[in-house]
Amino acid sequence: MLLLRIDDRHPTQGRRNIERRFVPNQPMPLPELLEMSSKWLAWSGLGLSVLTLVAFITQWGVRFRLVGVSSFTFLLAVSCWAFSISYTPPIRIDGAQQVPIVFDNGTNLVVAQAAEGFQSEAINPTLNQIAANLRPGGRNLEVRVRLRQIQPVNEGTSRPVVLGEVTRNFDQE
């Protein structure tokens, strides 16, 4: 009987044929992370439930703690699964810059703060990006989004200048 080494029998001849998905120094995308977490937590909860059953059969002293741990693991799995269903990634618009929102009354006005060196061609895309990322929960049907910049007037005084304004209408969706 002729015995061949594994390297000779396998079509890759010993080279790695594993598809590499991991990119070093880069975080996993959130939807993929939530999907993986839900699966791992569900299987862990199932394994802990089996261990809990064994603990009750053998009268281990930690059996009631295992009930809590397995229940909490299932709760985490369901929470990750529910969040993965409801998650929508933020909308990105080309030419828009990241600006902090400094005021939001929760109903009809959102104000964002532009930095000192803010480019005028980025005003409209930035406003549209902020408006597109607003959620309708608890807001009026029409929300105004303003982009302002604090400009110095005199020594020690400044005034807010509105660079642009966009209206988001939730009724049209």
Protein backbone atom coordinates (compact mmCIF):
# COMPACT_ATOMS: atom_id res chain seq x y z
CA MET A 1 0.00 0.00 0.00
CA LEU A 2 1.37 3.35 -1.05
CA LEU A 3 1.10 6.09 1.56
CA LEU A 4 1.33 9.69 0.45
CA ARG A 5 2.01 12.64 2.62
CA ILE A 6 -0.93 14.98 3.16
CA ASP A 7 0.87 17.70 1.23
CA ASP A 8 1.04 15.45 -1.83
CA ARG A 9 -2.60 14.33 -1.67
CA HIS A 10 -4.15 17.73 -1.15
CA PRO A 11 -4.59 19.95 -4.24
CA THR A 12 -3.06 22.95 -2.48
CA GLN A 13 0.18 21.02 -1.85
CA GLY A 14 0.45 22.28 1.71
CA ARG A 15 -0.30 25.93 0.98
CA ARG A 16 -2.93 27.62 3.07
CA ASN A 17 -6.30 27.65 1.38
CA ILE A 18 -8.13 29.51 4.13
CA GLU A 19 -9.93 32.64 2.99
CA ARG A 20 -8.69 35.52 5.09
CA ARG A 21 -11.42 37.85 6.26
CA PHE A 22 -9.68 39.46 9.22
CA VAL A 23 -8.10 42.80 8.47
CA PRO A 24 -5.63 43.75 11.20
CA ASN A 25 -6.14 47.01 13.12
CA GLN A 26 -9.66 47.52 11.77
CA PRO A 27 -12.83 47.10 13.82
CA MET A 28 -15.49 44.67 12.72
CA PRO A 29 -18.50 46.37 11.10
CA LEU A 30 -21.38 46.73 13.58
CA PRO A 31 -24.00 44.68 11.68
CA GLU A 32 -21.56 41.78 11.35
CA LEU A 33 -20.53 42.12 15.01
CA LEU A 34 -24.15 42.02 16.15
CA GLU A 35 -24.89 38.97 14.01
CA MET A 36 -21.86 37.09 15.31
CA SER A 37 -22.56 38.13 18.91
CA SER A 38 -26.17 36.94 18.70
CA LYS A 39 -25.09 33.53 17.44
CA TRP A 40 -22.31 33.11 20.01
CA LEU A 41 -24.51 34.25 22.88
CA ALA A 42 -27.35 31.95 21.81
CA TRP A 43 -25.05 28.93 21.64
CA SER A 44 -23.46 29.91 24.95
CA GLY A 45 -26.90 30.20 26.53
CA LEU A 46 -27.82 26.79 25.21
CA GLY A 47 -24.61 25.29 26.58
CA LEU A 48 -25.15 26.95 29.94
CA SER A 49 -28.73 25.64 30.02
CA VAL A 50 -27.46 22.11 29.49
CA LEU A 51 -24.91 22.67 32.24
CA THR A 52 -27.72 23.97 34.48
CA LEU A 53 -29.75 20.82 33.86
CA VAL A 54 -26.73 18.70 34.75
CA ALA A 55 -26.25 20.81 37.88
CA PHE A 56 -29.85 20.18 38.99
CA ILE A 57 -29.60 16.46 38.32
CA THR A 58 -26.35 16.11 40.27
CA GLN A 59 -27.40 18.57 43.03
CA TRP A 60 -24.46 20.96 42.56
CA GLY A 61 -24.34 23.93 44.86
CA VAL A 62 -24.01 26.41 41.97
CA ARG A 63 -27.19 25.28 40.20
CA PHE A 64 -29.20 28.40 41.06
CA ARG A 65 -26.38 30.66 39.98
CA LEU A 66 -26.27 28.83 36.67
CA VAL A 67 -29.98 29.55 36.19
CA GLY A 68 -29.24 33.26 36.43
CA VAL A 69 -26.19 33.09 34.20
CA SER A 70 -27.93 31.12 31.46
CA SER A 71 -31.02 33.36 31.62
CA PHE A 72 -28.89 36.48 31.35
CA THR A 73 -26.95 34.99 28.43
CA PHE A 74 -30.21 34.32 26.58
CA LEU A 75 -31.33 37.87 27.39
CA LEU A 76 -28.11 39.24 25.87
CA ALA A 77 -28.57 37.08 22.77
CA VAL A 78 -32.13 38.31 22.22
CA SER A 79 -31.07 41.92 22.83
CA CYS A 80 -28.24 41.70 20.28
CA TRP A 81 -30.57 40.08 17.78
CA ALA A 82 -33.25 42.76 18.25
CA PHE A 83 -30.69 45.55 17.94
CA SER A 84 -29.25 44.00 14.78
CA ILE A 85 -32.74 44.05 13.21
CA SER A 86 -33.46 47.66 14.16
CA TYR A 87 -30.01 49.11 13.44
CA THR A 88 -29.68 51.42 10.45
CA PRO A 89 -26.20 52.75 9.70
CA PRO A 90 -25.78 56.53 9.43
CA ILE A 91 -26.14 58.07 6.00
CA ARG A 92 -22.96 59.55 4.50
CA ILE A 93 -23.09 62.23 1.81
CA ASP A 94 -20.06 63.07 -0.32
CA GLY A 95 -18.56 66.45 0.52
CA ALA A 96 -20.14 66.62 3.98
CA GLN A 97 -18.00 67.29 7.02
CA GLN A 98 -18.57 66.00 10.53
CA VAL A 99 -19.92 68.74 12.79
CA PRO A 100 -21.23 68.50 16.33
CA ILE A 101 -24.91 69.14 17.04
CA VAL A 102 -25.00 71.83 19.73
CA PHE A 103 -28.76 72.24 20.11
CA ASP A 104 -31.73 69.95 19.53
CA ASN A 105 -35.07 70.81 21.08
CA GLY A 106 -36.46 67.40 20.12
CA THR A 107 -39.36 68.77 18.09
CA ASN A 108 -38.58 71.18 15.27
CA LEU A 109 -35.05 72.65 15.48
CA VAL A 110 -31.54 71.18 15.25
CA VAL A 111 -28.45 73.42 15.27
CA ALA A 112 -24.95 72.23 14.36
CA GLN A 113 -21.69 74.09 14.98
CA ALA A 114 -19.22 74.63 12.12
CA ALA A 115 -15.53 74.99 12.90
CA GLU A 116 -13.55 78.12 12.08
CA GLY A 117 -12.06 76.91 8.80
CA PHE A 118 -15.30 75.42 7.46
CA GLN A 119 -15.43 75.41 3.65
CA SER A 120 -18.44 77.06 2.02
CA GLU A 121 -18.90 74.24 -0.54
CA ALA A 122 -19.42 71.77 2.32
CA ILE A 123 -22.36 73.66 3.85
CA ASN A 124 -25.17 72.12 1.77
CA PRO A 125 -23.90 68.49 1.88
CA THR A 126 -23.33 68.78 5.63
CA LEU A 127 -26.83 70.10 6.24
CA ASN A 128 -28.34 67.37 4.06
CA GLN A 129 -26.37 64.69 5.91
CA ILE A 130 -27.52 65.93 9.32
CA ALA A 131 -31.12 66.12 8.10
CA ALA A 132 -30.97 62.62 6.58
CA ASN A 133 -29.72 61.14 9.86
CA LEU A 134 -32.54 62.58 11.97
CA ARG A 135 -35.12 60.11 13.28
CA PRO A 136 -38.80 61.06 13.42
CA GLY A 137 -39.60 59.74 16.91
CA GLY A 138 -41.30 62.51 18.93
CA ARG A 139 -40.55 65.26 16.40
CA ASN A 140 -42.86 67.51 14.46
CA LEU A 141 -43.50 66.66 10.83
CA GLU A 142 -41.15 69.45 9.77
CA VAL A 143 -37.70 69.96 11.32
CA ARG A 144 -35.32 72.82 10.54
CA VAL A 145 -31.62 72.03 10.53
CA ARG A 146 -29.25 74.99 10.86
CA LEU A 147 -25.49 75.20 10.53
CA ARG A 148 -23.96 78.05 12.47
CA GLN A 149 -20.49 79.39 13.06
CA ILE A 150 -19.28 81.57 15.92
CA GLN A 151 -17.44 84.56 14.46
CA PRO A 152 -15.55 87.12 16.56
CA VAL A 153 -16.88 90.70 16.50
CA ASN A 154 -14.58 92.54 18.89
CA GLU A 155 -12.04 91.62 21.52
CA GLY A 156 -13.80 89.12 23.81
CA THR A 157 -17.15 89.15 21.98
CA SER A 158 -18.52 86.96 19.24
CA ARG A 159 -21.80 86.31 17.50
CA PRO A 160 -23.39 83.26 15.90
CA VAL A 161 -23.79 83.44 12.13
CA VAL A 162 -26.15 81.02 10.39
CA LEU A 163 -24.32 79.56 7.38
CA GLY A 164 -27.26 77.60 6.02
CA GLU A 165 -30.60 76.02 6.80
CA VAL A 166 -32.44 72.98 5.49
CA THR A 167 -35.93 71.72 6.29
CA ARG A 168 -36.61 68.00 6.69
CA ASN A 169 -40.21 66.97 6.18
CA PHE A 170 -41.06 63.58 7.74
CA ASP A 171 -44.52 63.63 6.15
CA GLN A 172 -43.05 63.01 2.67
CA GLU A 173 -41.43 59.67 3.57
